[in-house]
Amino acid sequence: MTRNIGTTERVIRVVIGLVLIAFAMHWGFPDTSWNWIGWIGVVPIVTAVVGFCPLYSLLGISTP
């Protein structure tokens, strides 16, 4: 796996992932029946840490 995510995008993905997880954990967000959807925030964090996005490789996108 070669890296296909640039540094700026990696930082953005971590921030978005943390906000989504905060939504799931009810930290600063109201308690709704949709809070479980915040656990999707794990995906952008993992892709940022690894530096590889499988969807980007399928679409032929590279942002480094």
PDB file of N, CA and C in Angstrom:
ATOM      1  N   MET A   1       0.836  -1.174   0.000  1.00  0.00           N
ATOM      2  CA  MET A   1       0.000   0.000   0.000  1.00  0.00           C
ATOM      3  C   MET A   1       0.889   1.248   0.000  1.00  0.00           C
ATOM      4  N   THR A   2       0.804   2.000  -1.043  1.00  0.00           N
ATOM      5  CA  THR A   2       1.504   3.271  -1.072  1.00  0.00           C
ATOM      6  C   THR A   2       0.568   4.361  -0.561  1.00  0.00           C
ATOM      7  N   ARG A   3       1.132   5.353   0.067  1.00  0.00           N
ATOM      8  CA  ARG A   3       0.314   6.433   0.621  1.00  0.00           C
ATOM      9  C   ARG A   3      -0.326   7.241  -0.500  1.00  0.00           C
ATOM     10  N   ASN A   4      -1.596   7.518  -0.339  1.00  0.00           N
ATOM     11  CA  ASN A   4      -2.297   8.319  -1.331  1.00  0.00           C
ATOM     12  C   ASN A   4      -3.069   9.476  -0.693  1.00  0.00           C
ATOM     13  N   ILE A   5      -2.710   9.807   0.564  1.00  0.00           N
ATOM     14  CA  ILE A   5      -3.342  10.914   1.273  1.00  0.00           C
ATOM     15  C   ILE A   5      -2.241  11.865   1.735  1.00  0.00           C
ATOM     16  N   GLY A   6      -2.387  13.140   1.412  1.00  0.00           N
ATOM     17  CA  GLY A   6      -1.414  14.148   1.790  1.00  0.00           C
ATOM     18  C   GLY A   6      -1.545  14.567   3.251  1.00  0.00           C
ATOM     19  N   THR A   7      -0.560  15.319   3.731  1.00  0.00           N
ATOM     20  CA  THR A   7      -0.511  15.733   5.128  1.00  0.00           C
ATOM     21  C   THR A   7      -1.705  16.597   5.518  1.00  0.00           C
ATOM     22  N   THR A   8      -2.055  17.560   4.702  1.00  0.00           N
ATOM     23  CA  THR A   8      -3.188  18.438   5.023  1.00  0.00           C
ATOM     24  C   THR A   8      -4.483  17.642   5.126  1.00  0.00           C
ATOM     25  N   GLU A   9      -4.688  16.751   4.196  1.00  0.00           N
ATOM     26  CA  GLU A   9      -5.909  15.943   4.226  1.00  0.00           C
ATOM     27  C   GLU A   9      -5.915  15.002   5.420  1.00  0.00           C
ATOM     28  N   ARG A  10      -4.763  14.511   5.819  1.00  0.00           N
ATOM     29  CA  ARG A  10      -4.686  13.636   6.989  1.00  0.00           C
ATOM     30  C   ARG A  10      -5.115  14.382   8.245  1.00  0.00           C
ATOM     31  N   VAL A  11      -4.678  15.631   8.389  1.00  0.00           N
ATOM     32  CA  VAL A  11      -5.063  16.436   9.545  1.00  0.00           C
ATOM     33  C   VAL A  11      -6.571  16.684   9.533  1.00  0.00           C
ATOM     34  N   ILE A  12      -7.100  17.008   8.374  1.00  0.00           N
ATOM     35  CA  ILE A  12      -8.548  17.247   8.251  1.00  0.00           C
ATOM     36  C   ILE A  12      -9.329  15.991   8.607  1.00  0.00           C
ATOM     37  N   ARG A  13      -8.855  14.846   8.164  1.00  0.00           N
ATOM     38  CA  ARG A  13      -9.547  13.583   8.464  1.00  0.00           C
ATOM     39  C   ARG A  13      -9.547  13.293   9.964  1.00  0.00           C
ATOM     40  N   VAL A  14      -8.438  13.572  10.637  1.00  0.00           N
ATOM     41  CA  VAL A  14      -8.385  13.339  12.086  1.00  0.00           C
ATOM     42  C   VAL A  14      -9.365  14.255  12.802  1.00  0.00           C
ATOM     43  N   VAL A  15      -9.413  15.519  12.421  1.00  0.00           N
ATOM     44  CA  VAL A  15     -10.333  16.467  13.058  1.00  0.00           C
ATOM     45  C   VAL A  15     -11.781  16.034  12.841  1.00  0.00           C
ATOM     46  N   ILE A  16     -12.128  15.685  11.619  1.00  0.00           N
ATOM     47  CA  ILE A  16     -13.501  15.238  11.326  1.00  0.00           C
ATOM     48  C   ILE A  16     -13.821  13.963  12.115  1.00  0.00           C
ATOM     49  N   GLY A  17     -12.888  13.044  12.162  1.00  0.00           N
ATOM     50  CA  GLY A  17     -13.095  11.805  12.912  1.00  0.00           C
ATOM     51  C   GLY A  17     -13.316  12.055  14.391  1.00  0.00           C
ATOM     52  N   LEU A  18     -12.526  12.967  14.973  1.00  0.00           N
ATOM     53  CA  LEU A  18     -12.690  13.274  16.389  1.00  0.00           C
ATOM     54  C   LEU A  18     -14.029  13.956  16.678  1.00  0.00           C
ATOM     55  N   VAL A  19     -14.464  14.821  15.788  1.00  0.00           N
ATOM     56  CA  VAL A  19     -15.765  15.470  15.966  1.00  0.00           C
ATOM     57  C   VAL A  19     -16.887  14.431  15.892  1.00  0.00           C
ATOM     58  N   LEU A  20     -16.794  13.513  14.962  1.00  0.00           N
ATOM     59  CA  LEU A  20     -17.825  12.472  14.848  1.00  0.00           C
ATOM     60  C   LEU A  20     -17.848  11.567  16.077  1.00  0.00           C
ATOM     61  N   ILE A  21     -16.679  11.229  16.593  1.00  0.00           N
ATOM     62  CA  ILE A  21     -16.638  10.387  17.790  1.00  0.00           C
ATOM     63  C   ILE A  21     -17.172  11.160  18.996  1.00  0.00           C
ATOM     64  N   ALA A  22     -16.869  12.451  19.090  1.00  0.00           N
ATOM     65  CA  ALA A  22     -17.429  13.277  20.174  1.00  0.00           C
ATOM     66  C   ALA A  22     -18.950  13.295  20.089  1.00  0.00           C
ATOM     67  N   PHE A  23     -19.489  13.329  18.872  1.00  0.00           N
ATOM     68  CA  PHE A  23     -20.936  13.257  18.685  1.00  0.00           C
ATOM     69  C   PHE A  23     -21.478  11.927  19.194  1.00  0.00           C
ATOM     70  N   ALA A  24     -20.765  10.854  18.926  1.00  0.00           N
ATOM     71  CA  ALA A  24     -21.208   9.528  19.369  1.00  0.00           C
ATOM     72  C   ALA A  24     -21.161   9.402  20.892  1.00  0.00           C
ATOM     73  N   MET A  25     -20.203  10.070  21.518  1.00  0.00           N
ATOM     74  CA  MET A  25     -20.028   9.966  22.968  1.00  0.00           C
ATOM     75  C   MET A  25     -20.824  11.030  23.733  1.00  0.00           C
ATOM     76  N   HIS A  26     -21.586  11.871  23.019  1.00  0.00           N
ATOM     77  CA  HIS A  26     -22.422  12.919  23.625  1.00  0.00           C
ATOM     78  C   HIS A  26     -21.575  14.013  24.280  1.00  0.00           C
ATOM     79  N   TRP A  27     -20.368  14.249  23.805  1.00  0.00           N
ATOM     80  CA  TRP A  27     -19.501  15.301  24.359  1.00  0.00           C
ATOM     81  C   TRP A  27     -19.771  16.594  23.611  1.00  0.00           C
ATOM     82  N   GLY A  28     -20.567  17.461  24.185  1.00  0.00           N
ATOM     83  CA  GLY A  28     -20.869  18.742  23.573  1.00  0.00           C
ATOM     84  C   GLY A  28     -21.986  18.697  22.545  1.00  0.00           C
ATOM     85  N   PHE A  29     -22.605  17.561  22.388  1.00  0.00           N
ATOM     86  CA  PHE A  29     -23.694  17.402  21.431  1.00  0.00           C
ATOM     87  C   PHE A  29     -24.908  16.836  22.159  1.00  0.00           C
ATOM     88  N   PRO A  30     -26.105  17.135  21.695  1.00  0.00           N
ATOM     89  CA  PRO A  30     -27.300  16.611  22.354  1.00  0.00           C
ATOM     90  C   PRO A  30     -27.438  15.104  22.160  1.00  0.00           C
ATOM     91  N   ASP A  31     -28.131  14.499  23.087  1.00  0.00           N
ATOM     92  CA  ASP A  31     -28.398  13.060  23.017  1.00  0.00           C
ATOM     93  C   ASP A  31     -29.564  12.821  22.070  1.00  0.00           C
ATOM     94  N   THR A  32     -29.276  12.191  20.934  1.00  0.00           N
ATOM     95  CA  THR A  32     -30.316  11.867  19.960  1.00  0.00           C
ATOM     96  C   THR A  32     -30.258  10.379  19.657  1.00  0.00           C
ATOM     97  N   SER A  33     -31.204   9.908  18.905  1.00  0.00           N
ATOM     98  CA  SER A  33     -31.176   8.500  18.509  1.00  0.00           C
ATOM     99  C   SER A  33     -30.190   8.254  17.377  1.00  0.00           C
ATOM    100  N   TRP A  34     -29.585   9.324  16.842  1.00  0.00           N
ATOM    101  CA  TRP A  34     -28.637   9.197  15.731  1.00  0.00           C
ATOM    102  C   TRP A  34     -27.186   9.277  16.175  1.00  0.00           C
ATOM    103  N   ASN A  35     -26.919   9.316  17.473  1.00  0.00           N
ATOM    104  CA  ASN A  35     -25.549   9.447  17.950  1.00  0.00           C
ATOM    105  C   ASN A  35     -24.668   8.264  17.551  1.00  0.00           C
ATOM    106  N   TRP A  36     -25.234   7.123  17.346  1.00  0.00           N
ATOM    107  CA  TRP A  36     -24.440   5.953  16.964  1.00  0.00           C
ATOM    108  C   TRP A  36     -23.707   6.182  15.646  1.00  0.00           C
ATOM    109  N   ILE A  37     -24.250   7.037  14.799  1.00  0.00           N
ATOM    110  CA  ILE A  37     -23.648   7.293  13.494  1.00  0.00           C
ATOM    111  C   ILE A  37     -22.274   7.940  13.640  1.00  0.00           C
ATOM    112  N   GLY A  38     -22.007   8.541  14.787  1.00  0.00           N
ATOM    113  CA  GLY A  38     -20.715   9.160  15.032  1.00  0.00           C
ATOM    114  C   GLY A  38     -19.555   8.186  15.043  1.00  0.00           C
ATOM    115  N   TRP A  39     -19.832   6.907  15.271  1.00  0.00           N
ATOM    116  CA  TRP A  39     -18.762   5.903  15.272  1.00  0.00           C
ATOM    117  C   TRP A  39     -18.153   5.714  13.892  1.00  0.00           C
ATOM    118  N   ILE A  40     -18.779   6.256  12.874  1.00  0.00           N
ATOM    119  CA  ILE A  40     -18.186   6.252  11.537  1.00  0.00           C
ATOM    120  C   ILE A  40     -16.900   7.068  11.549  1.00  0.00           C
ATOM    121  N   GLY A  41     -16.728   7.930  12.546  1.00  0.00           N
ATOM    122  CA  GLY A  41     -15.527   8.739  12.686  1.00  0.00           C
ATOM    123  C   GLY A  41     -14.251   7.931  12.835  1.00  0.00           C
ATOM    124  N   VAL A  42     -14.380   6.668  13.170  1.00  0.00           N
ATOM    125  CA  VAL A  42     -13.198   5.808  13.278  1.00  0.00           C
ATOM    126  C   VAL A  42     -12.555   5.629  11.901  1.00  0.00           C
ATOM    127  N   VAL A  43     -13.347   5.578  10.861  1.00  0.00           N
ATOM    128  CA  VAL A  43     -12.830   5.345   9.502  1.00  0.00           C
ATOM    129  C   VAL A  43     -11.879   6.457   9.050  1.00  0.00           C
ATOM    130  N   PRO A  44     -12.260   7.741   9.140  1.00  0.00           N
ATOM    131  CA  PRO A  44     -11.305   8.761   8.719  1.00  0.00           C
ATOM    132  C   PRO A  44     -10.044   8.804   9.582  1.00  0.00           C
ATOM    133  N   ILE A  45     -10.165   8.474  10.869  1.00  0.00           N
ATOM    134  CA  ILE A  45      -8.978   8.463  11.720  1.00  0.00           C
ATOM    135  C   ILE A  45      -8.031   7.345  11.293  1.00  0.00           C
ATOM    136  N   VAL A  46      -8.563   6.168  11.029  1.00  0.00           N
ATOM    137  CA  VAL A  46      -7.713   5.043  10.607  1.00  0.00           C
ATOM    138  C   VAL A  46      -7.054   5.337   9.269  1.00  0.00           C
ATOM    139  N   THR A  47      -7.805   5.875   8.322  1.00  0.00           N
ATOM    140  CA  THR A  47      -7.206   6.178   7.019  1.00  0.00           C
ATOM    141  C   THR A  47      -6.153   7.268   7.138  1.00  0.00           C
ATOM    142  N   ALA A  48      -6.335   8.211   8.059  1.00  0.00           N
ATOM    143  CA  ALA A  48      -5.338   9.262   8.258  1.00  0.00           C
ATOM    144  C   ALA A  48      -4.068   8.701   8.886  1.00  0.00           C
ATOM    145  N   VAL A  49      -4.215   7.817   9.852  1.00  0.00           N
ATOM    146  CA  VAL A  49      -3.042   7.233  10.508  1.00  0.00           C
ATOM    147  C   VAL A  49      -2.258   6.366   9.535  1.00  0.00           C
ATOM    148  N   VAL A  50      -2.946   5.580   8.747  1.00  0.00           N
ATOM    149  CA  VAL A  50      -2.296   4.687   7.784  1.00  0.00           C
ATOM    150  C   VAL A  50      -1.787   5.465   6.573  1.00  0.00           C
ATOM    151  N   GLY A  51      -2.483   6.530   6.204  1.00  0.00           N
ATOM    152  CA  GLY A  51      -2.093   7.326   5.040  1.00  0.00           C
ATOM    153  C   GLY A  51      -2.567   6.747   3.730  1.00  0.00           C
ATOM    154  N   PHE A  52      -3.511   5.845   3.797  1.00  0.00           N
ATOM    155  CA  PHE A  52      -4.012   5.167   2.603  1.00  0.00           C
ATOM    156  C   PHE A  52      -5.526   5.117   2.656  1.00  0.00           C
ATOM    157  N   CYS A  53      -6.162   5.495   1.558  1.00  0.00           N
ATOM    158  CA  CYS A  53      -7.618   5.437   1.432  1.00  0.00           C
ATOM    159  C   CYS A  53      -7.962   4.466   0.306  1.00  0.00           C
ATOM    160  N   PRO A  54      -8.613   3.342   0.628  1.00  0.00           N
ATOM    161  CA  PRO A  54      -8.958   2.369  -0.401  1.00  0.00           C
ATOM    162  C   PRO A  54      -9.857   2.941  -1.500  1.00  0.00           C
ATOM    163  N   LEU A  55     -10.780   3.825  -1.143  1.00  0.00           N
ATOM    164  CA  LEU A  55     -11.656   4.430  -2.141  1.00  0.00           C
ATOM    165  C   LEU A  55     -10.855   5.273  -3.125  1.00  0.00           C
ATOM    166  N   TYR A  56      -9.876   6.014  -2.619  1.00  0.00           N
ATOM    167  CA  TYR A  56      -9.023   6.806  -3.503  1.00  0.00           C
ATOM    168  C   TYR A  56      -8.276   5.923  -4.499  1.00  0.00           C
ATOM    169  N   SER A  57      -7.798   4.769  -4.048  1.00  0.00           N
ATOM    170  CA  SER A  57      -7.075   3.888  -4.968  1.00  0.00           C
ATOM    171  C   SER A  57      -7.998   3.343  -6.057  1.00  0.00           C
ATOM    172  N   LEU A  58      -9.264   3.073  -5.701  1.00  0.00           N
ATOM    173  CA  LEU A  58     -10.224   2.604  -6.707  1.00  0.00           C
ATOM    174  C   LEU A  58     -10.537   3.680  -7.740  1.00  0.00           C
ATOM    175  N   LEU A  59     -10.569   4.945  -7.276  1.00  0.00           N
ATOM    176  CA  LEU A  59     -10.896   6.055  -8.153  1.00  0.00           C
ATOM    177  C   LEU A  59      -9.665   6.675  -8.826  1.00  0.00           C
ATOM    178  N   GLY A  60      -8.481   6.206  -8.451  1.00  0.00           N
ATOM    179  CA  GLY A  60      -7.254   6.734  -9.043  1.00  0.00           C
ATOM    180  C   GLY A  60      -6.871   8.114  -8.537  1.00  0.00           C
ATOM    181  N   ILE A  61      -7.265   8.457  -7.318  1.00  0.00           N
ATOM    182  CA  ILE A  61      -6.974   9.762  -6.735  1.00  0.00           C
ATOM    183  C   ILE A  61      -5.770   9.641  -5.815  1.00  0.00           C
ATOM    184  N   SER A  62      -4.908  10.651  -5.846  1.00  0.00           N
ATOM    185  CA  SER A  62      -3.772  10.721  -4.944  1.00  0.00           C
ATOM    186  C   SER A  62      -3.550  12.186  -4.588  1.00  0.00           C
ATOM    187  N   THR A  63      -3.478  12.492  -3.271  1.00  0.00           N
ATOM    188  CA  THR A  63      -3.367  13.891  -2.848  1.00  0.00           C
ATOM    189  C   THR A  63      -2.063  14.260  -2.147  1.00  0.00           C
ATOM    190  N   PRO A  64      -1.012  13.446  -2.162  1.00  0.00           N
ATOM    191  CA  PRO A  64       0.220  13.880  -1.455  1.00  0.00           C
ATOM    192  C   PRO A  64       0.914  15.046  -2.117  1.00  0.00           C
TER     193      PRO A  64
END
